[in-house]
């Protein structure tokens, strides 16, 4: 069991969400950063399961069972009983460990997984909270989360530290409505530097820019159509929003393009103030742009970070202080 000692707002349990319910009006939901889930699997194995999504909020919890934790997504300052922990890594921890996580301003969504996953109640085949649909709640002080005991995992880290937390280029594929924007309007869109606005949540993030908004001819007469995470939708005043995992399932605002799957974590992880630029690619190009599978390697600790180093048995077996030449 994990006990929540204190926490900031909007921390929820997330997994891959609920695919297959779009026709019933339920967006898939799940983690905003799907690459962070894949990284947890690399660190813990396929049993990583559901974990905690932490949107830049402090969290203090107590482990009542021994387990191995994985820390992925936006880096946070992490301590176990006051001892610093490396981010983008897995750490075996004993029962009664108190874990403190504090935001650093890098990225937007951090993730904590435990070996075997959280065993919270499943709804429609998923443990993910979906606040817009009224499924699940944000964590509160005093909440407890069931999980299996299993502290026998290895200390591991990702072989390459992720760098998707500060904006950058986002590649788009056309939507059925892209052609409604003129060539000049699409070119201006790709030439514009956008800034991630502070207004944003799991439904979507607002982008700010200098100059006029972006519009199509006759956009007020568009019929509602299906909506997917990653769609870049223009509001009535021409301001773009990148839609997130809990976006609406249908909408009538025009969508100039859709962020490809490999770039969507970068789009949703960017903190307020981060800069974006967009570039269109073909569907064929997008299909070939698959993210590399995360790889974990053993975590080697700096001896300076091991307070009980002198109490550890670092050498085993029988040794002799004599040189081989002096021995009979």
C-alpha atoms as a PDB file:
ATOM      1  CA  UNK A   1       0.000   0.000   0.000  1.00  0.00           C
ATOM      2  CA  UNK A   2       1.063   3.598  -0.682  1.00  0.00           C
ATOM      3  CA  UNK A   3      -0.165   6.365   1.635  1.00  0.00           C
ATOM      4  CA  UNK A   4      -0.462   9.959   0.404  1.00  0.00           C
ATOM      5  CA  UNK A   5       0.984  12.182   3.131  1.00  0.00           C
ATOM      6  CA  UNK A   6       0.521  15.442   1.214  1.00  0.00           C
ATOM      7  CA  UNK A   7       0.016  16.430  -2.407  1.00  0.00           C
ATOM      8  CA  UNK A   8      -0.675  19.293  -4.756  1.00  0.00           C
ATOM      9  CA  UNK A   9      -3.685  19.474  -7.086  1.00  0.00           C
ATOM     10  CA  UNK A  10      -4.681  17.287 -10.037  1.00  0.00           C
ATOM     11  CA  UNK A  11      -2.406  14.291  -9.336  1.00  0.00           C
ATOM     12  CA  UNK A  12      -4.182  11.242 -10.782  1.00  0.00           C
ATOM     13  CA  UNK A  13      -3.719   7.559 -11.562  1.00  0.00           C
ATOM     14  CA  UNK A  14      -3.079   7.046 -15.289  1.00  0.00           C
ATOM     15  CA  UNK A  15      -2.338   4.237 -17.718  1.00  0.00           C
ATOM     16  CA  UNK A  16      -2.964   3.855 -21.468  1.00  0.00           C
ATOM     17  CA  UNK A  17      -6.604   4.866 -21.090  1.00  0.00           C
ATOM     18  CA  UNK A  18      -9.729   3.434 -22.727  1.00  0.00           C
ATOM     19  CA  UNK A  19      -9.443   2.988 -26.499  1.00  0.00           C
ATOM     20  CA  UNK A  20     -12.530   1.936 -28.388  1.00  0.00           C
ATOM     21  CA  UNK A  21     -15.146   4.164 -26.729  1.00  0.00           C
ATOM     22  CA  UNK A  22     -14.927   7.199 -29.016  1.00  0.00           C
ATOM     23  CA  UNK A  23     -18.221   6.358 -30.751  1.00  0.00           C
ATOM     24  CA  UNK A  24     -19.877   6.401 -27.315  1.00  0.00           C
ATOM     25  CA  UNK A  25     -18.591   9.897 -26.583  1.00  0.00           C
ATOM     26  CA  UNK A  26     -15.664   8.904 -24.346  1.00  0.00           C
ATOM     27  CA  UNK A  27     -12.159  10.027 -25.305  1.00  0.00           C
ATOM     28  CA  UNK A  28      -9.381   7.505 -24.707  1.00  0.00           C
ATOM     29  CA  UNK A  29      -7.763   9.557 -21.953  1.00  0.00           C
ATOM     30  CA  UNK A  30      -4.763   8.024 -20.220  1.00  0.00           C
ATOM     31  CA  UNK A  31      -1.333   9.521 -19.668  1.00  0.00           C
ATOM     32  CA  UNK A  32      -0.551  12.794 -21.411  1.00  0.00           C
ATOM     33  CA  UNK A  33       3.005  11.579 -22.093  1.00  0.00           C
ATOM     34  CA  UNK A  34       2.796   8.055 -23.534  1.00  0.00           C
ATOM     35  CA  UNK A  35       6.578   7.875 -23.889  1.00  0.00           C
ATOM     36  CA  UNK A  36       6.853   8.143 -20.098  1.00  0.00           C
ATOM     37  CA  UNK A  37       4.790   4.941 -19.823  1.00  0.00           C
ATOM     38  CA  UNK A  38       7.125   3.166 -22.250  1.00  0.00           C
ATOM     39  CA  UNK A  39      10.100   4.353 -20.196  1.00  0.00           C
ATOM     40  CA  UNK A  40       8.520   2.932 -17.032  1.00  0.00           C
ATOM     41  CA  UNK A  41       8.176  -0.428 -18.802  1.00  0.00           C
ATOM     42  CA  UNK A  42      11.850  -0.287 -19.800  1.00  0.00           C
ATOM     43  CA  UNK A  43      12.840   0.380 -16.192  1.00  0.00           C
ATOM     44  CA  UNK A  44      10.446  -2.004 -14.403  1.00  0.00           C
ATOM     45  CA  UNK A  45       9.398  -4.537 -17.022  1.00  0.00           C
ATOM     46  CA  UNK A  46       5.982  -5.187 -18.593  1.00  0.00           C
ATOM     47  CA  UNK A  47       4.265  -5.216 -15.196  1.00  0.00           C
ATOM     48  CA  UNK A  48       4.727  -1.466 -14.712  1.00  0.00           C
ATOM     49  CA  UNK A  49       0.970  -1.000 -15.066  1.00  0.00           C
ATOM     50  CA  UNK A  50      -0.830   2.120 -13.883  1.00  0.00           C
ATOM     51  CA  UNK A  51       1.121   4.890 -12.169  1.00  0.00           C
ATOM     52  CA  UNK A  52       0.740   8.434 -10.903  1.00  0.00           C
ATOM     53  CA  UNK A  53       0.667  11.433 -13.251  1.00  0.00           C
ATOM     54  CA  UNK A  54       1.981  14.526 -11.449  1.00  0.00           C
ATOM     55  CA  UNK A  55       1.282  17.864 -13.224  1.00  0.00           C
ATOM     56  CA  UNK A  56       3.988  20.034 -11.673  1.00  0.00           C
ATOM     57  CA  UNK A  57       2.690  19.589  -8.116  1.00  0.00           C
ATOM     58  CA  UNK A  58       4.534  18.533  -4.940  1.00  0.00           C
ATOM     59  CA  UNK A  59       3.886  15.040  -3.621  1.00  0.00           C
ATOM     60  CA  UNK A  60       4.865  13.280  -0.393  1.00  0.00           C
ATOM     61  CA  UNK A  61       4.005   9.646   0.134  1.00  0.00           C
ATOM     62  CA  UNK A  62       4.922   6.654   2.255  1.00  0.00           C
ATOM     63  CA  UNK A  63       5.591   3.149   0.977  1.00  0.00           C
ATOM     64  CA  UNK A  64       4.074   0.564   3.326  1.00  0.00           C
ATOM     65  CA  UNK A  65       5.565  -2.312   1.315  1.00  0.00           C
ATOM     66  CA  UNK A  66       8.998  -2.830  -0.241  1.00  0.00           C
ATOM     67  CA  UNK A  67       8.914  -2.040  -3.951  1.00  0.00           C
ATOM     68  CA  UNK A  68      10.893  -0.684  -6.872  1.00  0.00           C
ATOM     69  CA  UNK A  69       9.788   2.694  -8.178  1.00  0.00           C
ATOM     70  CA  UNK A  70      10.337   4.247 -11.616  1.00  0.00           C
ATOM     71  CA  UNK A  71      10.563   8.024 -12.095  1.00  0.00           C
ATOM     72  CA  UNK A  72       9.862   9.205 -15.649  1.00  0.00           C
ATOM     73  CA  UNK A  73       8.526  12.206 -17.547  1.00  0.00           C
ATOM     74  CA  UNK A  74       9.294  15.786 -16.509  1.00  0.00           C
ATOM     75  CA  UNK A  75      12.212  15.785 -14.022  1.00  0.00           C
ATOM     76  CA  UNK A  76      11.424  16.521 -10.366  1.00  0.00           C
ATOM     77  CA  UNK A  77      13.599  16.778  -7.261  1.00  0.00           C
ATOM     78  CA  UNK A  78      13.169  13.364  -5.660  1.00  0.00           C
ATOM     79  CA  UNK A  79      14.258  12.208  -2.202  1.00  0.00           C
ATOM     80  CA  UNK A  80      13.770   8.917  -0.347  1.00  0.00           C
ATOM     81  CA  UNK A  81      14.045   9.507   3.413  1.00  0.00           C
ATOM     82  CA  UNK A  82      16.052  12.622   2.586  1.00  0.00           C
ATOM     83  CA  UNK A  83      18.427  10.848   0.185  1.00  0.00           C
ATOM     84  CA  UNK A  84      18.451  12.273  -3.384  1.00  0.00           C
ATOM     85  CA  UNK A  85      17.231   9.969  -6.151  1.00  0.00           C
ATOM     86  CA  UNK A  86      18.205  10.112  -9.810  1.00  0.00           C
ATOM     87  CA  UNK A  87      15.318  10.923 -12.177  1.00  0.00           C
ATOM     88  CA  UNK A  88      14.665   8.826 -15.330  1.00  0.00           C
ATOM     89  CA  UNK A  89      15.583   5.813 -13.235  1.00  0.00           C
ATOM     90  CA  UNK A  90      14.292   2.904 -11.141  1.00  0.00           C
ATOM     91  CA  UNK A  91      15.122   2.528  -7.439  1.00  0.00           C
ATOM     92  CA  UNK A  92      14.442  -0.413  -5.070  1.00  0.00           C
ATOM     93  CA  UNK A  93      13.111   0.982  -1.779  1.00  0.00           C
ATOM     94  CA  UNK A  94      12.273  -0.720   1.518  1.00  0.00           C
ATOM     95  CA  UNK A  95       8.962  -0.555   3.321  1.00  0.00           C
ATOM     96  CA  UNK A  96       8.306   2.594   5.390  1.00  0.00           C
ATOM     97  CA  UNK A  97      10.284   4.787   2.964  1.00  0.00           C
ATOM     98  CA  UNK A  98       8.988   8.360   2.736  1.00  0.00           C
ATOM     99  CA  UNK A  99       9.291   9.724  -0.797  1.00  0.00           C
ATOM    100  CA  UNK A 100       9.284  13.461  -1.536  1.00  0.00           C
ATOM    101  CA  UNK A 101       8.827  14.845  -5.065  1.00  0.00           C
ATOM    102  CA  UNK A 102       9.035  18.565  -5.858  1.00  0.00           C
ATOM    103  CA  UNK A 103       8.683  20.277  -9.255  1.00  0.00           C
ATOM    104  CA  UNK A 104      11.659  21.864 -10.979  1.00  0.00           C
ATOM    105  CA  UNK A 105       9.848  23.837 -13.687  1.00  0.00           C
ATOM    106  CA  UNK A 106      10.991  21.423 -16.387  1.00  0.00           C
ATOM    107  CA  UNK A 107       8.153  19.979 -18.437  1.00  0.00           C
ATOM    108  CA  UNK A 108       4.552  19.597 -17.297  1.00  0.00           C
ATOM    109  CA  UNK A 109       3.857  15.949 -16.423  1.00  0.00           C
ATOM    110  CA  UNK A 110       5.944  13.674 -14.193  1.00  0.00           C
ATOM    111  CA  UNK A 111       5.250   9.991 -13.530  1.00  0.00           C
ATOM    112  CA  UNK A 112       5.774   7.622 -10.631  1.00  0.00           C
ATOM    113  CA  UNK A 113       5.310   3.892 -11.207  1.00  0.00           C
ATOM    114  CA  UNK A 114       5.807   0.960  -8.858  1.00  0.00           C
ATOM    115  CA  UNK A 115       6.774  -2.605  -9.713  1.00  0.00           C
ATOM    116  CA  UNK A 116       3.567  -4.477 -10.517  1.00  0.00           C
ATOM    117  CA  UNK A 117       1.553  -1.278 -10.979  1.00  0.00           C
ATOM    118  CA  UNK A 118      -1.121   0.300  -8.813  1.00  0.00           C
ATOM    119  CA  UNK A 119      -4.062  -2.022  -8.123  1.00  0.00           C
ATOM    120  CA  UNK A 120      -6.824   0.569  -8.042  1.00  0.00           C
ATOM    121  CA  UNK A 121     -10.310  -0.243  -9.346  1.00  0.00           C
ATOM    122  CA  UNK A 122     -10.713  -0.748 -13.092  1.00  0.00           C
ATOM    123  CA  UNK A 123     -13.507   1.069 -14.941  1.00  0.00           C
ATOM    124  CA  UNK A 124     -14.165   0.086 -18.571  1.00  0.00           C
ATOM    125  CA  UNK A 125     -10.894  -1.812 -18.691  1.00  0.00           C
ATOM    126  CA  UNK A 126      -8.635   0.938 -17.337  1.00  0.00           C
ATOM    127  CA  UNK A 127      -7.514   2.369 -14.003  1.00  0.00           C
ATOM    128  CA  UNK A 128      -7.010   5.853 -15.520  1.00  0.00           C
ATOM    129  CA  UNK A 129      -8.820   8.814 -14.032  1.00  0.00           C
ATOM    130  CA  UNK A 130     -10.833  10.768 -16.619  1.00  0.00           C
ATOM    131  CA  UNK A 131     -12.001  13.889 -14.820  1.00  0.00           C
ATOM    132  CA  UNK A 132     -14.077  15.251 -17.723  1.00  0.00           C
ATOM    133  CA  UNK A 133     -16.057  11.997 -17.844  1.00  0.00           C
ATOM    134  CA  UNK A 134     -16.369  11.809 -14.073  1.00  0.00           C
ATOM    135  CA  UNK A 135     -14.193   8.680 -13.765  1.00  0.00           C
ATOM    136  CA  UNK A 136     -11.784   8.697 -10.844  1.00  0.00           C
ATOM    137  CA  UNK A 137     -10.611  11.578  -8.678  1.00  0.00           C
ATOM    138  CA  UNK A 138      -7.466  13.555  -8.045  1.00  0.00           C
ATOM    139  CA  UNK A 139      -5.462  12.363  -5.058  1.00  0.00           C
ATOM    140  CA  UNK A 140      -5.999  13.903  -1.641  1.00  0.00           C
ATOM    141  CA  UNK A 141      -4.015  13.799   1.580  1.00  0.00           C
ATOM    142  CA  UNK A 142      -4.768  10.548   3.411  1.00  0.00           C
ATOM    143  CA  UNK A 143      -5.627   8.528   0.297  1.00  0.00           C
ATOM    144  CA  UNK A 144      -4.175   5.037   0.053  1.00  0.00           C
ATOM    145  CA  UNK A 145      -3.302   3.197  -3.148  1.00  0.00           C
ATOM    146  CA  UNK A 146      -3.062  -0.605  -3.216  1.00  0.00           C
ATOM    147  CA  UNK A 147       0.025  -2.171  -4.772  1.00  0.00           C
ATOM    148  CA  UNK A 148       1.972  -5.416  -4.530  1.00  0.00           C
ATOM    149  CA  UNK A 149       5.063  -5.897  -2.413  1.00  0.00           C
ATOM    150  CA  UNK A 150       8.118  -6.499  -4.554  1.00  0.00           C
ATOM    151  CA  UNK A 151      11.338  -4.729  -3.727  1.00  0.00           C
ATOM    152  CA  UNK A 152      13.624  -7.118  -5.558  1.00  0.00           C
ATOM    153  CA  UNK A 153      13.991  -5.026  -8.691  1.00  0.00           C
ATOM    154  CA  UNK A 154      17.303  -3.630  -9.870  1.00  0.00           C
ATOM    155  CA  UNK A 155      18.450  -0.011  -9.809  1.00  0.00           C
ATOM    156  CA  UNK A 156      18.376   1.058 -13.435  1.00  0.00           C
ATOM    157  CA  UNK A 157      18.375   4.232 -15.496  1.00  0.00           C
ATOM    158  CA  UNK A 158      17.476   5.154 -19.052  1.00  0.00           C
ATOM    159  CA  UNK A 159      20.526   4.976 -21.293  1.00  0.00           C
ATOM    160  CA  UNK A 160      19.657   8.375 -22.778  1.00  0.00           C
ATOM    161  CA  UNK A 161      18.024  11.178 -20.810  1.00  0.00           C
ATOM    162  CA  UNK A 162      14.868  12.427 -22.612  1.00  0.00           C
ATOM    163  CA  UNK A 163      14.859  15.995 -23.955  1.00  0.00           C
ATOM    164  CA  UNK A 164      11.194  16.589 -24.795  1.00  0.00           C
ATOM    165  CA  UNK A 165      10.430  19.102 -22.045  1.00  0.00           C
ATOM    166  CA  UNK A 166      11.140  22.530 -23.549  1.00  0.00           C
ATOM    167  CA  UNK A 167       9.102  22.879 -26.752  1.00  0.00           C
ATOM    168  CA  UNK A 168      10.649  22.768 -30.218  1.00  0.00           C
ATOM    169  CA  UNK A 169       9.426  21.647 -33.633  1.00  0.00           C
ATOM    170  CA  UNK A 170       6.119  19.798 -33.922  1.00  0.00           C
ATOM    171  CA  UNK A 171       5.290  17.894 -37.098  1.00  0.00           C
ATOM    172  CA  UNK A 172       1.742  17.861 -38.434  1.00  0.00           C
ATOM    173  CA  UNK A 173      -0.254  15.678 -40.782  1.00  0.00           C
ATOM    174  CA  UNK A 174      -3.258  17.151 -42.615  1.00  0.00           C
ATOM    175  CA  UNK A 175      -6.783  16.734 -41.247  1.00  0.00           C
ATOM    176  CA  UNK A 176      -9.937  16.639 -43.408  1.00  0.00           C
ATOM    177  CA  UNK A 177     -10.156  20.417 -42.831  1.00  0.00           C
ATOM    178  CA  UNK A 178      -6.576  21.424 -43.626  1.00  0.00           C
ATOM    179  CA  UNK A 179      -7.509  22.189 -47.246  1.00  0.00           C
ATOM    180  CA  UNK A 180     -10.047  24.759 -46.004  1.00  0.00           C
ATOM    181  CA  UNK A 181      -7.141  26.980 -44.957  1.00  0.00           C
ATOM    182  CA  UNK A 182      -5.576  28.855 -47.858  1.00  0.00           C
ATOM    183  CA  UNK A 183      -1.991  28.152 -48.935  1.00  0.00           C
ATOM    184  CA  UNK A 184      -1.002  31.566 -47.610  1.00  0.00           C
ATOM    185  CA  UNK A 185      -2.659  30.897 -44.240  1.00  0.00           C
ATOM    186  CA  UNK A 186      -0.939  27.519 -43.854  1.00  0.00           C
ATOM    187  CA  UNK A 187       2.421  29.056 -44.780  1.00  0.00           C
ATOM    188  CA  UNK A 188       1.931  31.855 -42.236  1.00  0.00           C
ATOM    189  CA  UNK A 189       1.027  29.251 -39.615  1.00  0.00           C
ATOM    190  CA  UNK A 190       4.279  27.342 -40.211  1.00  0.00           C
ATOM    191  CA  UNK A 191       6.307  30.577 -40.179  1.00  0.00           C
ATOM    192  CA  UNK A 192       4.873  31.667 -36.821  1.00  0.00           C
ATOM    193  CA  UNK A 193       6.616  31.096 -33.492  1.00  0.00           C
ATOM    194  CA  UNK A 194       4.022  30.079 -30.906  1.00  0.00           C
ATOM    195  CA  UNK A 195       4.379  30.263 -27.135  1.00  0.00           C
ATOM    196  CA  UNK A 196       2.735  27.752 -24.834  1.00  0.00           C
ATOM    197  CA  UNK A 197       0.153  29.760 -22.873  1.00  0.00           C
ATOM    198  CA  UNK A 198      -0.330  29.217 -19.098  1.00  0.00           C
ATOM    199  CA  UNK A 199      -3.926  28.241 -19.880  1.00  0.00           C
ATOM    200  CA  UNK A 200      -3.972  24.519 -20.481  1.00  0.00           C
ATOM    201  CA  UNK A 201      -4.906  21.180 -18.973  1.00  0.00           C
ATOM    202  CA  UNK A 202      -5.498  17.573 -20.030  1.00  0.00           C
ATOM    203  CA  UNK A 203      -8.137  18.761 -22.518  1.00  0.00           C
ATOM    204  CA  UNK A 204      -5.644  20.871 -24.420  1.00  0.00           C
ATOM    205  CA  UNK A 205      -3.108  23.695 -24.318  1.00  0.00           C
ATOM    206  CA  UNK A 206      -3.521  27.192 -25.726  1.00  0.00           C
ATOM    207  CA  UNK A 207      -0.856  28.685 -28.014  1.00  0.00           C
ATOM    208  CA  UNK A 208      -0.162  32.413 -28.120  1.00  0.00           C
ATOM    209  CA  UNK A 209       1.488  34.354 -30.945  1.00  0.00           C
ATOM    210  CA  UNK A 210       1.932  37.830 -32.361  1.00  0.00           C
ATOM    211  CA  UNK A 211      -0.243  38.929 -35.258  1.00  0.00           C
ATOM    212  CA  UNK A 212      -3.691  38.007 -36.462  1.00  0.00           C
ATOM    213  CA  UNK A 213      -5.433  34.714 -35.745  1.00  0.00           C
ATOM    214  CA  UNK A 214      -5.919  31.906 -38.265  1.00  0.00           C
ATOM    215  CA  UNK A 215      -9.218  31.222 -39.986  1.00  0.00           C
ATOM    216  CA  UNK A 216     -10.869  29.500 -42.931  1.00  0.00           C
ATOM    217  CA  UNK A 217     -13.527  30.817 -45.261  1.00  0.00           C
ATOM    218  CA  UNK A 218     -17.021  29.966 -44.008  1.00  0.00           C
ATOM    219  CA  UNK A 219     -15.768  28.257 -40.863  1.00  0.00           C
ATOM    220  CA  UNK A 220     -18.947  29.106 -38.966  1.00  0.00           C
ATOM    221  CA  UNK A 221     -20.881  26.752 -41.247  1.00  0.00           C
ATOM    222  CA  UNK A 222     -18.696  23.699 -40.574  1.00  0.00           C
ATOM    223  CA  UNK A 223     -20.441  20.571 -39.314  1.00  0.00           C
ATOM    224  CA  UNK A 224     -19.197  18.886 -36.157  1.00  0.00           C
ATOM    225  CA  UNK A 225     -16.649  16.150 -36.811  1.00  0.00           C
ATOM    226  CA  UNK A 226     -14.631  13.649 -34.771  1.00  0.00           C
ATOM    227  CA  UNK A 227     -11.765  15.007 -32.668  1.00  0.00           C
ATOM    228  CA  UNK A 228      -8.529  13.255 -31.634  1.00  0.00           C
ATOM    229  CA  UNK A 229      -5.642  14.128 -29.286  1.00  0.00           C
ATOM    230  CA  UNK A 230      -3.002  16.071 -31.172  1.00  0.00           C
ATOM    231  CA  UNK A 231      -5.481  17.945 -33.370  1.00  0.00           C
ATOM    232  CA  UNK A 232      -4.639  21.652 -33.632  1.00  0.00           C
ATOM    233  CA  UNK A 233      -8.023  23.331 -33.447  1.00  0.00           C
ATOM    234  CA  UNK A 234      -8.714  27.001 -34.106  1.00  0.00           C
ATOM    235  CA  UNK A 235     -11.220  28.795 -31.903  1.00  0.00           C
ATOM    236  CA  UNK A 236     -13.555  31.452 -33.267  1.00  0.00           C
ATOM    237  CA  UNK A 237     -10.932  34.162 -32.722  1.00  0.00           C
ATOM    238  CA  UNK A 238      -8.270  32.164 -34.587  1.00  0.00           C
ATOM    239  CA  UNK A 239      -6.250  31.003 -31.560  1.00  0.00           C
ATOM    240  CA  UNK A 240      -4.845  27.458 -31.872  1.00  0.00           C
ATOM    241  CA  UNK A 241      -5.188  24.778 -29.195  1.00  0.00           C
ATOM    242  CA  UNK A 242      -3.317  21.467 -29.194  1.00  0.00           C
ATOM    243  CA  UNK A 243      -5.864  18.955 -27.939  1.00  0.00           C
ATOM    244  CA  UNK A 244      -4.897  16.524 -25.182  1.00  0.00           C
ATOM    245  CA  UNK A 245      -5.986  13.087 -23.935  1.00  0.00           C
ATOM    246  CA  UNK A 246      -9.271  14.289 -22.430  1.00  0.00           C
ATOM    247  CA  UNK A 247     -10.325  16.412 -25.397  1.00  0.00           C
ATOM    248  CA  UNK A 248     -13.907  16.439 -26.647  1.00  0.00           C
ATOM    249  CA  UNK A 249     -14.843  13.673 -29.066  1.00  0.00           C
ATOM    250  CA  UNK A 250     -16.556  15.929 -31.644  1.00  0.00           C
ATOM    251  CA  UNK A 251     -16.270  19.587 -32.547  1.00  0.00           C
ATOM    252  CA  UNK A 252     -17.059  22.174 -35.173  1.00  0.00           C
ATOM    253  CA  UNK A 253     -13.997  24.407 -34.986  1.00  0.00           C
ATOM    254  CA  UNK A 254     -11.581  23.901 -37.912  1.00  0.00           C
ATOM    255  CA  UNK A 255      -8.394  21.899 -37.391  1.00  0.00           C
ATOM    256  CA  UNK A 256      -5.417  23.028 -39.424  1.00  0.00           C
ATOM    257  CA  UNK A 257      -3.475  19.806 -38.745  1.00  0.00           C
ATOM    258  CA  UNK A 258      -2.770  17.090 -36.219  1.00  0.00           C
ATOM    259  CA  UNK A 259       0.482  16.639 -34.284  1.00  0.00           C
ATOM    260  CA  UNK A 260       1.973  13.239 -35.110  1.00  0.00           C
ATOM    261  CA  UNK A 261       2.093  10.625 -32.338  1.00  0.00           C
ATOM    262  CA  UNK A 262       5.863  10.752 -31.864  1.00  0.00           C
ATOM    263  CA  UNK A 263       5.748  14.545 -31.242  1.00  0.00           C
ATOM    264  CA  UNK A 264       2.595  14.705 -29.099  1.00  0.00           C
ATOM    265  CA  UNK A 265       4.466  14.067 -25.803  1.00  0.00           C
ATOM    266  CA  UNK A 266       6.703  17.054 -26.630  1.00  0.00           C
ATOM    267  CA  UNK A 267       3.631  19.165 -27.341  1.00  0.00           C
ATOM    268  CA  UNK A 268       1.909  18.321 -24.047  1.00  0.00           C
ATOM    269  CA  UNK A 269       5.061  18.348 -21.889  1.00  0.00           C
ATOM    270  CA  UNK A 270       6.126  21.894 -22.782  1.00  0.00           C
ATOM    271  CA  UNK A 271       5.840  24.251 -19.785  1.00  0.00           C
ATOM    272  CA  UNK A 272       4.236  27.699 -20.103  1.00  0.00           C
ATOM    273  CA  UNK A 273       6.542  30.018 -22.046  1.00  0.00           C
ATOM    274  CA  UNK A 274       8.065  27.265 -24.213  1.00  0.00           C
ATOM    275  CA  UNK A 275       8.228  28.014 -27.955  1.00  0.00           C
ATOM    276  CA  UNK A 276       6.820  25.860 -30.767  1.00  0.00           C
ATOM    277  CA  UNK A 277       7.043  25.862 -34.537  1.00  0.00           C
ATOM    278  CA  UNK A 278       5.046  23.595 -36.839  1.00  0.00           C
ATOM    279  CA  UNK A 279       5.956  21.714 -40.011  1.00  0.00           C
ATOM    280  CA  UNK A 280       3.687  19.597 -42.212  1.00  0.00           C
ATOM    281  CA  UNK A 281       4.735  16.056 -43.179  1.00  0.00           C
ATOM    282  CA  UNK A 282       2.933  13.441 -45.219  1.00  0.00           C
ATOM    283  CA  UNK A 283       1.056  10.553 -43.668  1.00  0.00           C
ATOM    284  CA  UNK A 284       3.668   8.188 -45.138  1.00  0.00           C
ATOM    285  CA  UNK A 285       6.473  10.161 -43.463  1.00  0.00           C
ATOM    286  CA  UNK A 286       4.596  10.174 -40.158  1.00  0.00           C
ATOM    287  CA  UNK A 287       4.202   6.395 -40.231  1.00  0.00           C
ATOM    288  CA  UNK A 288       7.966   6.038 -40.558  1.00  0.00           C
ATOM    289  CA  UNK A 289       8.705   8.353 -37.633  1.00  0.00           C
ATOM    290  CA  UNK A 290       8.307   5.910 -34.783  1.00  0.00           C
ATOM    291  CA  UNK A 291       9.950   6.702 -31.424  1.00  0.00           C
ATOM    292  CA  UNK A 292      12.941   4.620 -30.454  1.00  0.00           C
ATOM    293  CA  UNK A 293      12.147   2.016 -27.813  1.00  0.00           C
ATOM    294  CA  UNK A 294      13.533   3.175 -24.445  1.00  0.00           C
ATOM    295  CA  UNK A 295      16.487   1.169 -23.147  1.00  0.00           C
ATOM    296  CA  UNK A 296      17.454   0.812 -19.479  1.00  0.00           C
ATOM    297  CA  UNK A 297      20.959   0.134 -18.161  1.00  0.00           C
ATOM    298  CA  UNK A 298      22.257  -0.513 -14.612  1.00  0.00           C
ATOM    299  CA  UNK A 299      22.295   2.559 -12.403  1.00  0.00           C
ATOM    300  CA  UNK A 300      25.774   3.151 -10.979  1.00  0.00           C
ATOM    301  CA  UNK A 301      25.683   5.430  -7.960  1.00  0.00           C
ATOM    302  CA  UNK A 302      28.341   7.983  -7.098  1.00  0.00           C
ATOM    303  CA  UNK A 303      30.042   6.817  -3.854  1.00  0.00           C
ATOM    304  CA  UNK A 304      29.564  10.349  -2.517  1.00  0.00           C
ATOM    305  CA  UNK A 305      25.804   9.758  -2.634  1.00  0.00           C
ATOM    306  CA  UNK A 306      25.977   6.588  -0.492  1.00  0.00           C
ATOM    307  CA  UNK A 307      25.894   7.706   3.174  1.00  0.00           C
ATOM    308  CA  UNK A 308      26.366   4.160   4.544  1.00  0.00           C
ATOM    309  CA  UNK A 309      29.183   3.197   2.167  1.00  0.00           C
ATOM    310  CA  UNK A 310      31.555   2.073   4.953  1.00  0.00           C
ATOM    311  CA  UNK A 311      28.954  -0.339   6.332  1.00  0.00           C
ATOM    312  CA  UNK A 312      28.609  -2.186   3.023  1.00  0.00           C
ATOM    313  CA  UNK A 313      30.334  -5.469   2.157  1.00  0.00           C
ATOM    314  CA  UNK A 314      32.093  -4.423  -1.045  1.00  0.00           C
ATOM    315  CA  UNK A 315      34.502  -7.377  -1.256  1.00  0.00           C
ATOM    316  CA  UNK A 316      33.636 -10.999  -0.594  1.00  0.00           C
ATOM    317  CA  UNK A 317      35.740 -14.142  -0.379  1.00  0.00           C
ATOM    318  CA  UNK A 318      39.093 -14.867   1.252  1.00  0.00           C
ATOM    319  CA  UNK A 319      41.942 -12.424   0.682  1.00  0.00           C
ATOM    320  CA  UNK A 320      45.543 -12.301   1.780  1.00  0.00           C
ATOM    321  CA  UNK A 321      47.790  -9.343   2.453  1.00  0.00           C
ATOM    322  CA  UNK A 322      50.801 -11.329   1.229  1.00  0.00           C
ATOM    323  CA  UNK A 323      51.943 -11.170  -2.346  1.00  0.00           C
ATOM    324  CA  UNK A 324      51.834 -14.448  -4.297  1.00  0.00           C
ATOM    325  CA  UNK A 325      55.673 -14.613  -4.289  1.00  0.00           C
ATOM    326  CA  UNK A 326      55.829 -14.541  -0.469  1.00  0.00           C
ATOM    327  CA  UNK A 327      53.283 -17.288   0.025  1.00  0.00           C
ATOM    328  CA  UNK A 328      54.551 -20.827   0.744  1.00  0.00           C
END
